[in-house]
N, C-alpha and C. Protein backbone atom coordinates (compact mmCIF):
# COMPACT_ATOMS: atom_id res chain seq x y z
N MET A 1 139.32 114.65 92.65
CA MET A 1 140.35 113.97 91.63
C MET A 1 141.12 114.92 90.69
N ASN A 2 142.10 114.91 90.82
CA ASN A 2 142.97 115.55 89.90
C ASN A 2 142.71 115.43 88.60
N LYS A 3 142.63 116.68 87.89
CA LYS A 3 142.12 116.59 86.49
C LYS A 3 143.22 116.82 85.49
N ILE A 4 143.64 115.99 84.69
CA ILE A 4 144.73 116.20 83.82
C ILE A 4 144.26 116.74 82.27
N LEU A 5 144.81 117.76 81.80
CA LEU A 5 144.69 118.09 80.71
C LEU A 5 146.13 118.17 79.82
N LEU A 6 145.59 117.36 78.66
CA LEU A 6 146.74 117.44 77.72
C LEU A 6 146.41 117.86 76.42
N THR A 7 147.72 118.94 76.24
CA THR A 7 147.75 119.58 75.15
C THR A 7 149.12 119.60 74.39
N SER A 8 149.37 119.56 73.10
CA SER A 8 150.45 119.45 72.58
C SER A 8 150.75 120.14 71.06
N ILE A 9 152.02 120.36 71.03
CA ILE A 9 152.51 120.47 69.45
C ILE A 9 153.46 119.57 69.21
N ILE A 10 152.94 118.97 67.99
CA ILE A 10 153.78 117.87 67.62
C ILE A 10 154.57 118.52 66.26
N SER A 11 155.97 118.11 66.35
CA SER A 11 156.67 118.46 65.15
C SER A 11 157.45 117.01 64.77
N ALA A 12 157.08 116.45 63.48
CA ALA A 12 157.48 115.23 63.18
C ALA A 12 158.38 115.21 62.17
N SER A 13 159.42 114.40 62.02
CA SER A 13 160.31 114.44 60.79
C SER A 13 160.88 112.87 60.73
N LEU A 14 160.56 112.25 59.31
CA LEU A 14 160.52 110.90 59.30
C LEU A 14 161.98 110.81 58.37
N PHE A 15 162.52 111.83 57.95
CA PHE A 15 163.60 111.45 57.01
C PHE A 15 164.71 112.82 57.13
N THR A 16 165.90 112.45 57.17
CA THR A 16 166.88 113.46 57.35
C THR A 16 166.69 114.83 56.78
N LEU A 17 166.09 114.67 55.63
CA LEU A 17 166.02 116.20 54.71
C LEU A 17 165.08 117.04 55.38
N THR A 18 164.38 116.67 56.48
CA THR A 18 163.52 117.60 57.23
C THR A 18 164.11 117.98 58.65
N ALA A 19 163.99 119.29 58.87
CA ALA A 19 164.60 119.79 60.00
C ALA A 19 163.58 120.32 60.75
N THR A 20 163.59 120.14 62.18
CA THR A 20 162.68 120.89 63.08
C THR A 20 163.21 122.16 63.39
N SER A 21 162.20 123.03 63.83
CA SER A 21 162.72 124.56 64.04
C SER A 21 163.26 124.47 65.58
N SER A 22 163.12 123.73 66.33
CA SER A 22 163.62 123.61 67.47
C SER A 22 164.98 123.17 67.79
N LEU A 23 165.61 122.55 66.68
CA LEU A 23 166.84 122.18 66.78
C LEU A 23 167.97 123.37 66.24
N SER A 24 169.01 123.47 66.59
CA SER A 24 169.94 124.34 65.83
C SER A 24 170.44 123.68 64.68
N PRO A 25 171.02 124.52 63.67
CA PRO A 25 171.62 123.88 62.53
C PRO A 25 172.55 122.72 62.69
N VAL A 26 173.26 122.95 63.64
CA VAL A 26 174.40 121.80 64.10
C VAL A 26 173.69 120.59 64.67
N GLN A 27 172.45 120.69 65.49
CA GLN A 27 171.96 119.54 66.06
C GLN A 27 171.00 118.97 64.87
N ALA A 28 170.62 119.83 63.94
CA ALA A 28 169.63 119.29 62.63
C ALA A 28 170.75 118.33 61.79
N ALA A 29 171.92 118.75 61.63
CA ALA A 29 172.93 118.26 60.87
C ALA A 29 173.27 116.95 61.18
N GLU A 30 173.29 116.63 62.66
CA GLU A 30 173.59 115.63 63.35
C GLU A 30 172.46 114.43 63.46
N LEU A 31 171.24 114.62 62.88
CA LEU A 31 170.28 113.66 62.97
C LEU A 31 170.27 113.21 61.58
N SER A 32 171.25 112.25 61.22
CA SER A 32 171.26 111.52 59.99
C SER A 32 170.72 110.26 60.12
N PHE A 33 169.42 110.18 60.65
CA PHE A 33 168.49 109.06 60.74
C PHE A 33 167.16 109.29 60.46
N ALA A 34 166.37 108.49 60.39
CA ALA A 34 164.64 108.70 60.50
C ALA A 34 164.41 108.64 61.94
N HIS A 35 163.69 110.04 62.16
CA HIS A 35 163.44 110.34 63.32
C HIS A 35 162.07 110.81 63.74
N ILE A 36 161.30 110.90 64.74
CA ILE A 36 160.17 111.59 65.24
C ILE A 36 160.58 112.49 66.34
N GLU A 37 160.03 113.79 66.44
CA GLU A 37 160.16 114.67 67.44
C GLU A 37 158.87 114.99 68.04
N THR A 38 158.33 114.79 69.38
CA THR A 38 157.44 115.11 69.79
C THR A 38 157.52 116.09 70.92
N VAL A 39 156.43 116.75 71.49
CA VAL A 39 156.26 117.72 72.46
C VAL A 39 155.15 116.92 73.33
N GLY A 40 155.62 116.66 74.73
CA GLY A 40 154.72 116.17 75.57
C GLY A 40 154.27 117.24 76.55
N THR A 41 152.99 117.44 76.72
CA THR A 41 152.59 118.43 77.61
C THR A 41 151.53 117.87 78.84
N SER A 42 151.59 118.55 80.12
CA SER A 42 150.19 118.18 80.77
C SER A 42 150.21 119.05 82.03
N THR A 43 148.86 119.15 82.12
CA THR A 43 148.45 120.22 83.22
C THR A 43 147.49 119.39 84.13
N ILE A 44 147.96 119.53 85.51
CA ILE A 44 147.13 118.96 86.63
C ILE A 44 146.55 119.93 87.52
N GLU A 45 145.20 120.05 87.72
CA GLU A 45 144.67 120.99 88.74
C GLU A 45 144.21 120.24 90.04
N ALA A 46 144.62 120.99 91.12
CA ALA A 46 144.24 120.20 92.39
C ALA A 46 143.72 121.33 93.28
N ALA A 47 142.92 121.05 94.39
CA ALA A 47 142.42 121.96 94.98
C ALA A 47 143.37 122.58 96.12
N ALA A 48 143.36 123.90 96.31
CA ALA A 48 144.46 124.47 97.15
C ALA A 48 143.86 124.13 98.57
N ASP A 49 144.83 123.94 99.58
CA ASP A 49 144.48 123.60 100.86
C ASP A 49 145.02 124.27 101.66
N MET A 50 145.97 125.25 101.37
CA MET A 50 146.98 126.24 102.12
C MET A 50 147.11 127.64 101.39
N ALA A 51 147.81 128.68 101.98
CA ALA A 51 147.99 129.57 101.36
C ALA A 51 149.35 130.36 102.30
N ILE A 52 150.01 131.31 101.25
CA ILE A 52 150.99 132.02 101.81
C ILE A 52 150.66 133.63 101.46
N ILE A 53 150.39 134.46 102.75
CA ILE A 53 149.85 135.52 102.82
C ILE A 53 150.98 136.63 102.97
N ASN A 54 150.90 137.65 102.30
CA ASN A 54 151.82 138.97 102.69
C ASN A 54 151.08 140.14 103.01
N VAL A 55 151.31 140.48 104.37
CA VAL A 55 150.39 141.71 104.84
C VAL A 55 151.64 142.77 105.26
N GLN A 56 150.94 143.88 105.48
CA GLN A 56 151.93 145.25 105.64
C GLN A 56 151.14 146.07 106.56
N VAL A 57 151.78 146.43 107.47
CA VAL A 57 151.31 147.86 108.39
C VAL A 57 152.26 148.85 107.88
N SER A 58 151.42 150.06 107.84
CA SER A 58 152.08 151.38 107.45
C SER A 58 151.50 152.46 108.03
N ILE A 59 152.34 153.07 108.96
CA ILE A 59 151.76 154.09 109.91
C ILE A 59 152.43 155.53 109.54
N GLU A 60 151.81 156.41 109.77
CA GLU A 60 152.54 157.57 109.78
C GLU A 60 152.22 158.36 110.90
N ALA A 61 153.20 159.07 111.34
CA ALA A 61 153.33 160.10 112.78
C ALA A 61 154.09 161.19 112.55
N ASP A 62 154.06 162.07 113.56
CA ASP A 62 154.95 163.18 113.43
C ASP A 62 156.48 162.87 113.67
N SER A 63 156.78 161.96 114.55
CA SER A 63 158.27 161.65 114.64
C SER A 63 158.39 160.10 114.03
N ALA A 64 159.90 160.16 113.80
CA ALA A 64 160.23 158.68 113.38
C ALA A 64 159.75 157.60 114.67
N LYS A 65 160.24 157.88 115.69
CA LYS A 65 160.11 157.19 116.78
C LYS A 65 158.70 156.74 116.89
N ALA A 66 157.81 157.70 116.99
CA ALA A 66 156.46 157.42 117.17
C ALA A 66 155.82 156.45 116.06
N ALA A 67 156.47 156.62 114.86
CA ALA A 67 156.02 155.90 113.51
C ALA A 67 156.11 154.41 113.71
N LYS A 68 157.80 154.33 114.30
CA LYS A 68 158.39 153.20 114.43
C LYS A 68 157.78 152.17 115.50
N ASP A 69 157.66 152.82 116.71
CA ASP A 69 156.69 152.04 117.71
C ASP A 69 155.67 151.56 117.45
N LYS A 70 154.72 152.38 116.74
CA LYS A 70 153.23 151.99 116.37
C LYS A 70 153.55 150.86 115.36
N ALA A 71 154.25 150.75 114.29
CA ALA A 71 154.42 149.69 113.50
C ALA A 71 154.87 148.59 114.19
N ASP A 72 156.00 148.56 114.93
CA ASP A 72 156.40 147.61 115.73
C ASP A 72 155.46 146.81 116.79
N GLU A 73 154.53 147.75 117.22
CA GLU A 73 153.65 147.37 118.27
C GLU A 73 152.52 146.40 117.17
N ALA A 74 152.20 146.85 116.34
CA ALA A 74 151.18 146.10 115.34
C ALA A 74 151.57 144.85 115.01
N VAL A 75 153.06 144.87 114.64
CA VAL A 75 153.52 143.57 113.99
C VAL A 75 153.49 142.45 115.44
N SER A 76 154.15 143.03 116.55
CA SER A 76 154.04 142.17 117.72
C SER A 76 152.63 141.68 118.27
N GLN A 77 151.73 142.35 118.30
CA GLN A 77 150.59 142.15 118.69
C GLN A 77 149.61 140.94 117.33
N PHE A 78 149.98 141.15 116.33
CA PHE A 78 149.57 140.46 115.30
C PHE A 78 150.20 138.85 115.53
N MET A 79 151.45 139.00 115.78
CA MET A 79 152.39 137.68 115.88
C MET A 79 151.74 136.96 117.10
N GLN A 80 151.77 137.70 118.14
CA GLN A 80 151.14 137.05 119.38
C GLN A 80 149.64 136.37 119.01
N ARG A 81 148.78 137.17 118.21
CA ARG A 81 147.64 136.50 117.93
C ARG A 81 147.82 135.02 116.94
N LEU A 82 148.66 135.20 116.13
CA LEU A 82 149.01 134.18 115.38
C LEU A 82 149.37 132.88 116.21
N LEU A 83 150.30 133.07 117.05
CA LEU A 83 150.94 132.05 117.79
C LEU A 83 149.58 131.41 118.66
N LYS A 84 148.93 132.28 119.25
CA LYS A 84 147.75 131.84 120.05
C LYS A 84 146.77 131.05 119.16
N ALA A 85 146.56 131.40 117.71
CA ALA A 85 145.86 130.78 116.94
C ALA A 85 146.34 129.24 116.37
N GLY A 86 147.46 129.05 116.82
CA GLY A 86 148.11 127.64 116.47
C GLY A 86 148.97 127.78 115.37
N VAL A 87 149.35 128.90 114.92
CA VAL A 87 150.34 129.15 113.73
C VAL A 87 151.91 129.12 114.14
N ASP A 88 152.55 127.98 113.71
CA ASP A 88 153.89 127.70 113.92
C ASP A 88 154.73 128.76 113.75
N LYS A 89 155.77 129.16 114.77
CA LYS A 89 156.41 130.23 114.64
C LYS A 89 157.34 130.42 113.26
N LYS A 90 157.72 129.11 112.67
CA LYS A 90 158.47 128.95 111.41
C LYS A 90 157.82 129.46 110.33
N HIS A 91 156.33 129.38 110.41
CA HIS A 91 155.83 129.72 109.42
C HIS A 91 155.29 131.32 109.23
N ILE A 92 155.94 132.02 110.21
CA ILE A 92 155.90 133.38 110.33
C ILE A 92 157.17 134.30 110.06
N GLN A 93 157.21 135.11 109.00
CA GLN A 93 157.98 135.87 108.90
C GLN A 93 158.00 137.38 108.71
N SER A 94 158.65 138.15 109.66
CA SER A 94 158.41 139.69 109.50
C SER A 94 159.57 140.25 108.87
N ALA A 95 159.67 141.40 108.07
CA ALA A 95 160.43 141.99 107.45
C ALA A 95 161.09 143.13 108.30
N ASN A 96 162.19 143.60 107.97
CA ASN A 96 162.96 144.83 108.54
C ASN A 96 161.82 146.14 108.37
N LEU A 97 162.27 146.95 109.35
CA LEU A 97 161.47 148.25 109.29
C LEU A 97 161.92 148.90 108.39
N GLN A 98 160.59 149.76 107.44
CA GLN A 98 161.14 150.70 106.52
C GLN A 98 160.74 152.01 107.02
N LEU A 99 161.64 153.17 107.24
CA LEU A 99 161.16 154.27 107.72
C LEU A 99 161.46 155.38 106.60
N ASN A 100 160.61 156.34 106.38
CA ASN A 100 160.97 157.27 105.48
C ASN A 100 160.37 158.56 105.84
N PRO A 101 160.96 159.98 105.59
CA PRO A 101 160.46 161.11 106.09
C PRO A 101 159.25 161.46 104.82
N GLN A 102 158.34 162.03 105.27
CA GLN A 102 157.34 162.73 104.49
C GLN A 102 157.43 164.13 104.31
N TYR A 103 157.38 164.71 103.06
CA TYR A 103 157.34 166.01 102.84
C TYR A 103 156.11 166.60 102.08
N MET A 104 155.96 167.63 102.33
CA MET A 104 154.81 168.52 101.65
C MET A 104 155.78 169.51 100.62
N TYR A 105 155.39 169.48 99.35
CA TYR A 105 156.10 170.21 98.57
C TYR A 105 155.23 171.44 97.76
N VAL A 106 155.40 172.74 97.73
CA VAL A 106 154.65 173.64 97.47
C VAL A 106 155.53 174.41 96.39
N GLN A 107 155.25 174.87 95.43
CA GLN A 107 156.03 175.56 94.16
C GLN A 107 156.44 176.84 94.63
N ASN A 108 157.93 176.77 94.43
CA ASN A 108 158.59 177.79 94.66
C ASN A 108 158.88 178.22 96.25
N GLU A 109 158.75 177.18 96.79
CA GLU A 109 159.22 177.28 98.42
C GLU A 109 159.76 175.85 98.52
N PRO A 110 160.68 176.13 99.79
CA PRO A 110 161.36 174.91 100.20
C PRO A 110 160.30 173.77 100.96
N ARG A 111 160.80 172.34 100.52
CA ARG A 111 159.86 171.48 101.02
C ARG A 111 159.83 171.46 102.49
N LYS A 112 158.50 170.93 102.74
CA LYS A 112 158.25 170.91 104.38
C LYS A 112 158.06 169.38 105.01
N LEU A 113 158.85 169.13 106.18
CA LEU A 113 158.56 168.07 106.57
C LEU A 113 157.38 168.06 107.34
N THR A 114 156.54 166.83 107.13
CA THR A 114 155.14 166.90 107.58
C THR A 114 155.08 165.55 108.61
N GLY A 115 156.14 164.54 108.56
CA GLY A 115 156.04 163.29 109.55
C GLY A 115 156.94 162.29 108.94
N TYR A 116 156.83 161.12 109.43
CA TYR A 116 157.40 160.14 108.95
C TYR A 116 156.43 158.78 108.78
N ASN A 117 156.88 158.07 107.94
CA ASN A 117 156.06 156.80 107.60
C ASN A 117 157.04 155.53 107.98
N ALA A 118 156.39 154.62 108.84
CA ALA A 118 156.97 153.38 109.13
C ALA A 118 156.27 152.24 108.54
N SER A 119 156.82 151.33 107.93
CA SER A 119 155.99 150.11 107.59
C SER A 119 156.86 148.91 107.76
N ARG A 120 156.19 147.77 107.75
CA ARG A 120 156.62 146.44 107.97
C ARG A 120 156.00 145.33 107.31
N GLN A 121 156.47 144.34 106.72
CA GLN A 121 155.70 143.34 106.19
C GLN A 121 155.70 142.06 107.07
N MET A 122 154.75 141.26 106.91
CA MET A 122 154.84 140.03 107.30
C MET A 122 154.19 138.97 106.32
N THR A 123 154.93 137.94 106.18
CA THR A 123 154.36 136.66 105.30
C THR A 123 154.34 135.55 106.58
N ILE A 124 152.94 134.90 105.94
CA ILE A 124 152.31 133.85 106.99
C ILE A 124 151.89 132.83 106.04
N THR A 125 152.50 131.62 106.54
CA THR A 125 152.02 130.32 105.65
C THR A 125 150.95 129.67 106.37
N VAL A 126 149.97 129.75 105.69
CA VAL A 126 148.59 129.40 106.43
C VAL A 126 148.33 127.81 105.75
N ILE A 127 148.58 126.99 106.89
CA ILE A 127 148.26 125.53 106.84
C ILE A 127 146.80 125.07 106.33
N ASP A 128 146.08 125.69 107.48
CA ASP A 128 144.55 125.52 107.25
C ASP A 128 144.05 126.50 106.56
N LEU A 129 143.45 126.27 105.17
CA LEU A 129 142.72 127.34 104.49
C LEU A 129 141.67 127.88 105.05
N ASN A 130 140.94 126.99 106.02
CA ASN A 130 139.60 127.42 106.57
C ASN A 130 139.91 128.52 107.68
N SER A 131 141.06 128.86 108.18
CA SER A 131 141.64 129.75 108.86
C SER A 131 141.75 131.12 108.51
N LEU A 132 141.71 131.06 107.31
CA LEU A 132 142.21 132.41 106.39
C LEU A 132 141.51 133.60 106.93
N ASN A 133 140.33 133.37 107.07
CA ASN A 133 139.35 134.54 107.27
C ASN A 133 139.66 135.18 108.45
N GLU A 134 139.56 134.22 109.39
CA GLU A 134 139.88 134.48 110.91
C GLU A 134 141.39 135.49 111.16
N LEU A 135 142.20 134.77 110.45
CA LEU A 135 143.63 135.21 110.73
C LEU A 135 143.67 136.81 110.09
N LEU A 136 142.98 136.74 108.75
CA LEU A 136 142.92 138.30 108.40
C LEU A 136 142.05 139.27 109.13
N ASP A 137 141.08 138.74 109.79
CA ASP A 137 140.14 139.76 110.63
C ASP A 137 141.25 140.05 111.77
N SER A 138 141.74 139.33 112.35
CA SER A 138 142.82 139.55 113.62
C SER A 138 143.84 140.48 113.18
N ALA A 139 144.20 140.26 112.08
CA ALA A 139 145.29 141.35 111.60
C ALA A 139 144.71 142.78 111.26
N LEU A 140 143.56 142.99 110.94
CA LEU A 140 142.96 144.10 110.95
C LEU A 140 142.65 144.64 112.35
N VAL A 141 142.24 144.05 113.55
CA VAL A 141 142.41 144.29 114.69
C VAL A 141 143.57 144.70 115.23
N GLU A 142 144.59 144.26 114.98
CA GLU A 142 145.93 144.78 115.33
C GLU A 142 146.52 145.82 114.67
N GLY A 143 145.87 146.50 113.78
CA GLY A 143 146.45 147.72 112.82
C GLY A 143 147.17 147.29 111.70
N ILE A 144 147.15 145.97 111.14
CA ILE A 144 147.79 145.64 109.82
C ILE A 144 146.74 146.16 108.90
N ASN A 145 147.28 147.05 107.99
CA ASN A 145 146.14 147.79 107.22
C ASN A 145 146.33 147.53 105.64
N ASN A 146 147.27 146.58 105.15
CA ASN A 146 147.22 146.17 103.84
C ASN A 146 147.42 144.64 103.70
N VAL A 147 146.99 144.30 102.59
CA VAL A 147 147.12 142.82 102.10
C VAL A 147 148.04 142.92 100.73
N ASN A 148 149.10 142.47 100.60
CA ASN A 148 149.81 142.82 99.46
C ASN A 148 149.54 141.53 98.55
N ASN A 149 149.53 140.38 99.05
CA ASN A 149 149.10 139.22 98.24
C ASN A 149 148.65 138.11 98.70
N ILE A 150 147.94 137.22 98.39
CA ILE A 150 147.54 135.85 99.10
C ILE A 150 147.75 134.80 97.89
N GLU A 151 148.74 133.99 97.98
CA GLU A 151 149.17 132.90 97.02
C GLU A 151 148.51 131.58 97.43
N LEU A 152 147.61 130.80 96.61
CA LEU A 152 147.22 129.56 97.11
C LEU A 152 148.31 128.66 96.71
N LYS A 153 148.23 127.34 97.70
CA LYS A 153 149.31 126.41 97.57
C LYS A 153 148.39 125.36 97.70
N SER A 154 149.28 124.00 97.36
CA SER A 154 148.77 122.72 97.93
C SER A 154 149.96 121.97 98.55
N SER A 155 149.32 121.37 99.61
CA SER A 155 150.13 120.81 100.43
C SER A 155 150.75 119.33 99.70
N GLN A 156 150.20 119.12 98.54
CA GLN A 156 150.77 117.83 98.03
C GLN A 156 151.29 118.45 96.32
N GLU A 157 151.95 119.39 96.48
CA GLU A 157 152.80 120.13 95.39
C GLU A 157 153.73 119.00 94.64
N ALA A 158 154.69 118.65 95.69
CA ALA A 158 155.72 117.79 95.11
C ALA A 158 155.35 116.32 94.50
N LYS A 159 154.08 115.85 94.85
CA LYS A 159 153.41 114.61 94.63
C LYS A 159 152.72 115.10 92.98
N ILE A 160 152.22 116.31 93.00
CA ILE A 160 151.56 116.62 91.70
C ILE A 160 152.65 117.08 90.49
N ILE A 161 153.65 117.84 91.06
CA ILE A 161 154.69 118.01 90.20
C ILE A 161 155.15 116.74 89.59
N ALA A 162 155.35 115.66 90.18
CA ALA A 162 155.82 114.30 89.85
C ALA A 162 154.76 113.63 88.71
N GLN A 163 153.58 113.82 89.28
CA GLN A 163 152.55 113.21 88.34
C GLN A 163 152.37 113.95 86.96
N ALA A 164 152.59 115.43 86.92
CA ALA A 164 152.46 116.12 85.88
C ALA A 164 153.59 115.79 85.10
N ARG A 165 154.89 115.83 85.43
CA ARG A 165 155.92 115.12 84.71
C ARG A 165 155.63 113.86 83.92
N GLN A 166 155.28 112.91 84.79
CA GLN A 166 155.04 111.66 83.97
C GLN A 166 153.90 111.63 83.05
N ALA A 167 152.90 112.36 83.39
CA ALA A 167 151.81 112.70 82.21
C ALA A 167 152.48 113.22 80.98
N ALA A 168 153.19 114.20 80.98
CA ALA A 168 153.89 114.71 79.98
C ALA A 168 154.89 113.83 79.29
N ILE A 169 155.45 112.84 79.92
CA ILE A 169 156.37 111.89 79.14
C ILE A 169 155.43 110.79 78.52
N ASP A 170 154.48 110.47 79.21
CA ASP A 170 153.54 109.58 78.55
C ASP A 170 152.90 110.11 77.26
N ASP A 171 152.63 111.43 77.42
CA ASP A 171 151.68 112.11 76.63
C ASP A 171 152.74 112.14 75.02
N ALA A 172 154.17 112.38 75.49
CA ALA A 172 155.10 112.28 74.25
C ALA A 172 155.43 111.08 73.44
N LYS A 173 155.42 109.92 74.42
CA LYS A 173 155.52 108.63 73.89
C LYS A 173 154.20 108.12 72.91
N GLN A 174 153.08 108.56 73.53
CA GLN A 174 151.85 108.02 72.86
C GLN A 174 151.76 108.77 71.36
N LYS A 175 152.41 109.99 71.28
CA LYS A 175 152.07 110.67 70.16
C LYS A 175 153.27 109.97 69.21
N ALA A 176 154.56 109.99 69.84
CA ALA A 176 155.35 109.25 68.82
C ALA A 176 154.89 107.79 68.39
N GLN A 177 154.33 107.15 69.20
CA GLN A 177 154.09 105.75 68.74
C GLN A 177 152.67 105.81 67.74
N SER A 178 151.68 106.68 67.76
CA SER A 178 150.89 107.02 67.11
C SER A 178 151.19 107.55 65.78
N LEU A 179 151.99 108.44 65.74
CA LEU A 179 152.61 108.84 64.65
C LEU A 179 153.39 107.88 63.69
N ALA A 180 154.30 107.11 64.34
CA ALA A 180 154.94 106.00 63.84
C ALA A 180 154.13 105.03 62.99
N LYS A 181 153.12 104.52 63.98
CA LYS A 181 152.20 103.59 63.41
C LYS A 181 151.51 104.10 62.16
N GLY A 182 151.05 105.58 62.11
CA GLY A 182 150.56 105.84 60.85
C GLY A 182 151.30 105.99 59.91
N PHE A 183 152.53 106.14 59.80
CA PHE A 183 153.30 105.96 58.73
C PHE A 183 153.95 104.71 58.59
N GLY A 184 153.28 103.78 59.02
CA GLY A 184 153.86 102.13 59.05
C GLY A 184 155.57 102.02 59.34
N GLU A 185 155.88 102.90 60.60
CA GLU A 185 157.13 102.72 60.98
C GLU A 185 157.28 102.18 62.58
N GLN A 186 158.36 102.06 63.02
CA GLN A 186 158.30 101.54 64.54
C GLN A 186 159.38 102.43 65.26
N ILE A 187 158.96 102.57 66.66
CA ILE A 187 159.91 103.28 67.45
C ILE A 187 161.21 102.49 67.78
N ALA A 188 162.42 103.05 67.42
CA ALA A 188 163.31 102.32 68.07
C ALA A 188 163.83 102.48 69.52
N GLY A 189 163.70 103.73 69.65
CA GLY A 189 164.19 104.32 71.26
C GLY A 189 164.29 105.96 71.15
N VAL A 190 164.63 106.19 72.31
CA VAL A 190 164.76 107.64 72.63
C VAL A 190 166.10 108.02 72.28
N TRP A 191 166.22 109.01 71.51
CA TRP A 191 167.71 109.41 70.97
C TRP A 191 167.96 111.09 71.82
N GLN A 192 167.29 111.66 72.23
CA GLN A 192 167.35 112.91 72.98
C GLN A 192 166.21 113.41 73.69
N VAL A 193 166.40 113.99 74.94
CA VAL A 193 165.16 114.51 75.67
C VAL A 193 165.65 115.93 75.88
N ARG A 194 164.46 116.80 75.87
CA ARG A 194 164.97 118.15 76.16
C ARG A 194 163.81 118.44 77.40
N TYR A 195 164.03 118.93 78.71
CA TYR A 195 163.39 119.16 79.84
C TYR A 195 163.65 120.41 80.43
N PHE A 196 162.51 121.25 80.56
CA PHE A 196 162.77 122.50 81.44
C PHE A 196 161.77 122.45 82.52
N PRO A 197 161.94 122.21 83.78
CA PRO A 197 160.97 122.00 84.75
C PRO A 197 159.82 123.45 84.75
N GLN A 198 158.77 123.46 85.05
CA GLN A 198 157.81 124.32 84.86
C GLN A 198 157.49 124.44 86.39
N GLN A 199 156.75 125.81 86.39
CA GLN A 199 156.53 126.34 87.54
C GLN A 199 154.92 126.37 88.03
N ALA A 200 154.50 126.20 89.05
CA ALA A 200 153.19 125.93 89.47
C ALA A 200 152.35 127.30 88.92
N ASN A 201 151.30 127.27 88.53
CA ASN A 201 150.50 128.43 88.17
C ASN A 201 149.64 128.75 89.49
N GLN A 202 149.71 130.02 89.91
CA GLN A 202 149.00 130.39 91.12
C GLN A 202 147.88 131.47 90.47
N PRO A 203 146.57 130.96 90.47
CA PRO A 203 145.55 131.74 89.93
C PRO A 203 145.22 132.64 90.86
N GLU A 204 145.32 132.75 92.00
CA GLU A 204 144.74 133.70 92.89
C GLU A 204 145.78 134.48 93.59
N MET A 205 145.67 135.79 93.18
CA MET A 205 146.47 136.97 93.68
C MET A 205 145.56 138.02 94.14
N TYR A 206 145.96 138.68 95.29
CA TYR A 206 145.16 139.66 95.98
C TYR A 206 145.97 140.78 96.16
N ARG A 207 145.38 141.91 96.10
CA ARG A 207 146.19 143.17 96.63
C ARG A 207 145.18 144.23 96.71
N ALA A 208 145.23 144.71 98.00
CA ALA A 208 144.21 145.88 98.29
C ALA A 208 144.54 146.18 99.74
N SER A 209 143.73 147.41 100.13
CA SER A 209 143.74 147.58 101.56
C SER A 209 142.95 146.64 102.31
N MET A 210 143.16 146.65 103.75
CA MET A 210 142.76 145.70 104.40
C MET A 210 141.00 145.87 104.67
N LYS A 211 140.22 145.39 103.71
CA LYS A 211 138.92 145.37 103.73
C LYS A 211 138.19 144.01 103.49
N MET A 212 139.00 143.01 103.63
CA MET A 212 138.36 141.66 103.12
C MET A 212 137.14 141.40 104.18
N ASN A 213 136.11 141.03 103.37
CA ASN A 213 135.13 140.22 104.11
C ASN A 213 134.81 138.79 103.84
N ALA A 214 134.07 137.98 104.59
CA ALA A 214 133.92 136.81 104.53
C ALA A 214 133.75 136.08 103.31
N ASP A 215 132.81 136.84 102.57
CA ASP A 215 132.46 136.34 101.09
C ASP A 215 133.84 136.38 100.18
N VAL A 216 134.84 137.41 100.31
CA VAL A 216 136.11 137.50 99.58
C VAL A 216 136.87 136.19 100.18
N ALA A 217 137.06 135.94 101.48
CA ALA A 217 138.00 135.05 101.86
C ALA A 217 137.53 133.59 101.52
N GLN A 218 136.19 133.47 101.26
CA GLN A 218 135.54 131.98 100.89
C GLN A 218 136.08 131.72 99.45
N THR A 219 136.11 132.59 98.73
CA THR A 219 136.52 132.50 97.29
C THR A 219 138.00 131.57 97.32
N TYR A 220 138.94 131.78 98.39
CA TYR A 220 140.11 131.19 98.14
C TYR A 220 139.89 129.67 98.80
N GLN A 221 139.08 129.31 99.52
CA GLN A 221 138.79 128.01 99.72
C GLN A 221 138.26 127.28 98.65
N GLN A 222 137.98 127.82 97.56
CA GLN A 222 137.39 127.02 96.47
C GLN A 222 138.46 127.27 95.20
N GLY A 223 139.45 127.89 95.81
CA GLY A 223 140.57 127.83 94.76
C GLY A 223 141.17 126.61 94.00
N GLN A 224 141.88 126.71 92.93
CA GLN A 224 142.65 125.72 92.23
C GLN A 224 144.06 126.00 91.97
N VAL A 225 144.91 125.04 92.11
CA VAL A 225 146.35 125.24 91.78
C VAL A 225 146.69 124.35 90.67
N ALA A 226 146.94 124.92 89.61
CA ALA A 226 147.48 124.33 88.35
C ALA A 226 148.91 124.05 88.09
N ILE A 227 149.29 122.98 87.79
CA ILE A 227 150.72 122.68 87.79
C ILE A 227 150.89 121.85 86.25
N SER A 228 151.81 122.60 85.74
CA SER A 228 152.04 122.14 84.10
C SER A 228 153.38 121.43 84.09
N ASP A 229 153.49 120.69 82.87
CA ASP A 229 155.01 120.34 82.62
C ASP A 229 155.12 120.05 81.16
N ARG A 230 156.18 119.88 80.61
CA ARG A 230 156.66 119.88 79.36
C ARG A 230 157.91 119.06 79.07
N VAL A 231 157.93 118.11 77.97
CA VAL A 231 159.08 117.48 77.61
C VAL A 231 159.14 117.44 76.13
N GLU A 232 160.42 117.81 75.49
CA GLU A 232 160.51 117.82 74.25
C GLU A 232 161.45 116.40 73.86
N VAL A 233 160.97 115.30 72.97
CA VAL A 233 161.68 114.21 72.89
C VAL A 233 161.95 113.65 71.44
N VAL A 234 163.22 113.30 71.22
CA VAL A 234 163.47 113.01 69.70
C VAL A 234 163.54 111.49 69.84
N PHE A 235 162.69 110.75 68.96
CA PHE A 235 162.69 109.29 68.87
C PHE A 235 163.10 108.66 67.66
N ARG A 236 164.16 107.89 67.61
CA ARG A 236 164.75 107.11 66.56
C ARG A 236 163.69 106.05 65.94
N LEU A 237 163.83 106.10 64.79
CA LEU A 237 162.78 105.14 63.98
C LEU A 237 163.67 103.76 63.50
N LYS A 238 163.02 102.48 63.71
CA LYS A 238 163.71 101.57 63.13
C LYS A 238 164.06 101.40 61.71
C-alpha cells in the first residue's frame, strides 16, 4: 500500500496588516481582505517495479579501427542478448561512438601516442525488475565493462503523481479549515493557487565498474520510489 507522508509549513494571515514572505510587495498590497495562506505537501512512496540502466563499453587498442570494431561488437552482441531475453527494441538506445587518442606524457619530451580509446553507451529500460541481475550478467559476458547508473522507476508513476497532487491539495485545505476554525472564522473560497510540479525522487543510483553480484542486484528489487508534491494556496475568509 502506498504510504502518504504529510508535512507542511503554514503561513497564516488573518488581517491585511500581516504580509507573508512568499508574496511580493505588490501582491501583499493587493490582499486588502482577511485571508489565510497555507502550504500543502505530500510524499507517496511506492515499490519500484522497473529500472532504467545506463551501461558503457570502453575499449583500448593500438589502432582506432581496432578499438572501434571491438566496441561495436560488444554493443551488437549485448543488443542481441537483450532481444533474445525479450527486451523490446524500443527500450534499447545505443549512443554514438566516442573515439579518442591516448598519449603518454614525459617531462621535456614530445607526447607519445600509445593507442586509442573507443567507448559507447547503452540505455535500457528494464520492465521486469526481476530480470535486472541476469541482464547485467549478460552485459559482462559481452564485454560491457561499466555501469554508469541504475535508476529505479514505477510503472504507475503517472497515477502516483496524481495521487500526490491531490494529497497536497487536501493537506492545504485541511490546514486552512483548521486554522479558520481555531480563530472563529470561516473559509469563503480560494483566492490564489501557486503550483510548481515536483519531480520523482530516485533513491537508488549506482556507478561502478561491472562487478555487480546477485546480492547487489537484489537490493534494487526492494527499492522504493518517492514522489512528492506541493501547493501554496491563499484562502479568503468570510
